[in-house]
Structure formats: structure tokens, C-alpha cells
Amino acid sequence: MKVSSTRTFECRRPSYNNIRFTALELFKFTIGMGDLEFTDRVEYIEVFYMLLISYILLTYIMLLNMLIALMSDTVERVSRESESIWRLQRSLTILDLEGSLPRSLSNRLQSGIMNKLCLDGGQVCRPFFR
């Protein structure tokens, strides 16, 4: 006994009545994965292509504008912090050089001025070379 089942598949064209589906298709057009198979039903095909091209161009311009804004904000933040970072690195280098000098040479170079230095949350009084 042979059972034959015939299934009929309906090929439905996409409808753009749903905002979720329409937004997904526009995203696909933006990244180059969209299908233009529904354009045969469009009455004014030239207007459709002009709107699609302008949408894609405006999307790329907006993304590029956002990238430029993010990069300029990063550059501004780094330039604000660069002087304080430079001062910290300079002071650490000076302290490292002071610690590596021999005791006889460091006693001769000290100016005798005592200043407070904050290290590890505590204050230390020590003489400096200048």
C-alpha cells in the first residue's frame, strides 16, 4: 500500500505592513544583504531606488558622523589627562633616580629643603635635590 501525500507550498511575497519586518529589511539593505525581488510590483521604480539610495547614504553618513564624534571625545579626554600622567611619570622617574644614587653623592646634592611627599596614603617628609 502506497500513501502519497502531496503538499502544496505557497510562496508568499513579503509584506511591509509590519514595522519589525520593514526595519529588518532596511537593515539588510544597509549592510548589502537585502533582496530587491519585490520591486516588480512597485509602480514608481525610479522613486523607490532614489529613496533607497538616499536612505543608505544617509545611514552611512550618520554612522561616520557618530564615529568621528566618539573619536574626538576620546582625543579630548586623553589630552586632558596627558599632562597629569606626564607629571606622575616624571616624578616617579626622579624618585627612582634619587634612590639609585650612592649615599655620598646624594648627601652632597641635597638642597636641605624638606617637603612632604604622599606615598601609599601616608605622608613622608624627605629632602629633595632641588
Protein backbone atom coordinates (compact mmCIF):
# COMPACT_ATOMS: atom_id res chain seq x y z
CA MET A 1 0.00 0.00 0.00
CA LYS A 2 1.46 3.24 -1.10
CA VAL A 3 0.44 6.50 0.52
CA SER A 4 1.13 9.59 -1.42
CA SER A 5 0.87 12.86 0.26
CA THR A 6 1.13 15.92 -1.81
CA ARG A 7 1.86 19.11 -0.07
CA THR A 8 1.34 22.39 -1.67
CA PHE A 9 3.60 25.19 -0.66
CA GLU A 10 2.51 28.73 -1.01
CA CYS A 11 5.11 31.23 -1.91
CA ARG A 12 4.16 34.40 -0.12
CA ARG A 13 5.69 37.69 -1.06
CA PRO A 14 6.93 39.77 1.86
CA SER A 15 4.55 42.42 3.01
CA TYR A 16 5.90 45.57 4.56
CA ASN A 17 2.88 46.15 6.78
CA ASN A 18 4.80 45.12 9.90
CA ILE A 19 7.29 47.68 11.30
CA ARG A 20 9.58 44.95 12.66
CA PHE A 21 9.90 43.25 9.27
CA THR A 22 10.36 46.58 7.48
CA ALA A 23 13.13 47.69 9.88
CA LEU A 24 14.89 44.33 9.45
CA GLU A 25 14.75 44.63 5.66
CA LEU A 26 16.11 48.19 5.81
CA PHE A 27 18.97 46.97 7.97
CA LYS A 28 19.68 44.22 5.42
CA PHE A 29 19.73 46.84 2.65
CA THR A 30 22.16 48.93 4.66
CA ILE A 31 24.69 46.11 5.04
CA GLY A 32 24.17 44.90 1.47
CA MET A 33 22.17 41.72 2.10
CA GLY A 34 18.72 42.94 1.05
CA ASP A 35 16.69 41.36 -1.76
CA LEU A 36 15.09 43.57 -4.34
CA GLU A 37 12.75 40.89 -5.66
CA PHE A 38 9.62 42.82 -4.72
CA THR A 39 10.39 45.76 -7.00
CA ASP A 40 8.42 44.29 -9.89
CA ARG A 41 5.20 45.34 -8.14
CA VAL A 42 6.32 48.91 -7.46
CA GLU A 43 4.59 51.50 -9.61
CA TYR A 44 7.30 54.17 -9.48
CA ILE A 45 10.52 52.16 -9.52
CA GLU A 46 12.77 55.21 -10.02
CA VAL A 47 11.37 56.91 -6.91
CA PHE A 48 11.86 53.71 -4.95
CA TYR A 49 15.51 53.43 -5.98
CA MET A 50 16.16 57.10 -5.22
CA LEU A 51 14.65 56.74 -1.74
CA LEU A 52 16.59 53.53 -1.10
CA ILE A 53 19.90 55.02 -2.21
CA SER A 54 19.32 58.18 -0.17
CA TYR A 55 18.44 56.07 2.89
CA ILE A 56 21.61 54.00 2.57
CA LEU A 57 23.80 57.09 2.01
CA LEU A 58 22.29 58.95 4.95
CA THR A 59 22.75 55.88 7.16
CA TYR A 60 26.44 55.67 6.27
CA ILE A 61 26.91 59.41 6.79
CA MET A 62 25.25 59.21 10.22
CA LEU A 63 27.42 56.23 11.24
CA LEU A 64 30.56 58.02 10.09
CA ASN A 65 29.49 61.16 11.98
CA MET A 66 28.98 59.12 15.16
CA LEU A 67 32.42 57.53 14.74
CA ILE A 68 34.05 60.94 14.35
CA ALA A 69 32.25 62.23 17.45
CA LEU A 70 33.40 59.25 19.52
CA MET A 71 36.99 59.62 18.35
CA SER A 72 37.08 63.37 19.06
CA ASP A 73 35.70 62.76 22.56
CA THR A 74 38.41 60.17 23.17
CA VAL A 75 41.15 62.51 21.91
CA GLU A 76 39.85 65.33 24.10
CA ARG A 77 39.77 63.12 27.20
CA VAL A 78 43.28 61.78 26.59
CA SER A 79 44.69 65.27 26.02
CA ARG A 80 43.12 66.47 29.30
CA GLU A 81 44.68 63.60 31.23
CA SER A 82 48.04 63.60 29.44
CA GLU A 83 49.64 66.40 31.49
CA SER A 84 48.78 64.80 34.82
CA ILE A 85 50.05 61.44 33.58
CA TRP A 86 53.24 63.09 32.36
CA ARG A 87 53.80 64.77 35.76
CA LEU A 88 53.24 61.49 37.58
CA GLN A 89 55.67 59.59 35.35
CA ARG A 90 58.25 62.36 35.70
CA SER A 91 58.04 62.33 39.49
CA LEU A 92 58.31 58.53 39.60
CA THR A 93 61.39 58.67 37.37
CA ILE A 94 63.00 61.31 39.60
CA LEU A 95 62.28 59.28 42.72
CA ASP A 96 63.71 56.19 41.07
CA LEU A 97 66.86 58.07 40.08
CA GLU A 98 67.24 59.53 43.59
CA GLY A 99 67.02 56.06 45.08
CA SER A 100 69.68 54.65 42.78
CA LEU A 101 72.35 57.29 43.59
CA PRO A 102 75.12 56.36 46.02
CA ARG A 103 74.67 57.77 49.54
CA SER A 104 77.78 60.03 49.38
CA LEU A 105 76.61 61.64 46.13
CA SER A 106 73.01 62.06 47.25
CA ASN A 107 74.12 63.79 50.52
CA ARG A 108 76.15 66.32 48.51
CA LEU A 109 73.33 67.06 46.01
CA GLN A 110 70.54 67.55 48.54
CA SER A 111 69.35 71.11 48.95
CA GLY A 112 68.28 70.58 52.54
CA ILE A 113 64.69 71.58 51.89
CA MET A 114 62.21 69.20 53.49
CA ASN A 115 58.91 68.67 51.72
CA LYS A 116 56.02 66.35 52.34
CA LEU A 117 55.52 63.55 49.89
CA CYS A 118 52.41 61.38 49.84
CA LEU A 119 53.15 57.75 49.07
CA ASP A 120 50.73 54.86 49.58
CA GLY A 121 48.27 57.00 51.51
CA GLY A 122 50.81 58.20 54.09
CA GLN A 123 52.86 61.37 54.24
CA VAL A 124 56.63 61.14 54.30
CA CYS A 125 58.99 64.07 54.93
CA ARG A 126 62.15 63.83 52.92
CA PRO A 127 64.78 66.15 51.46
CA PHE A 128 64.82 66.83 47.74
CA PHE A 129 67.64 67.64 45.33
CA ARG A 130 66.06 70.92 44.18
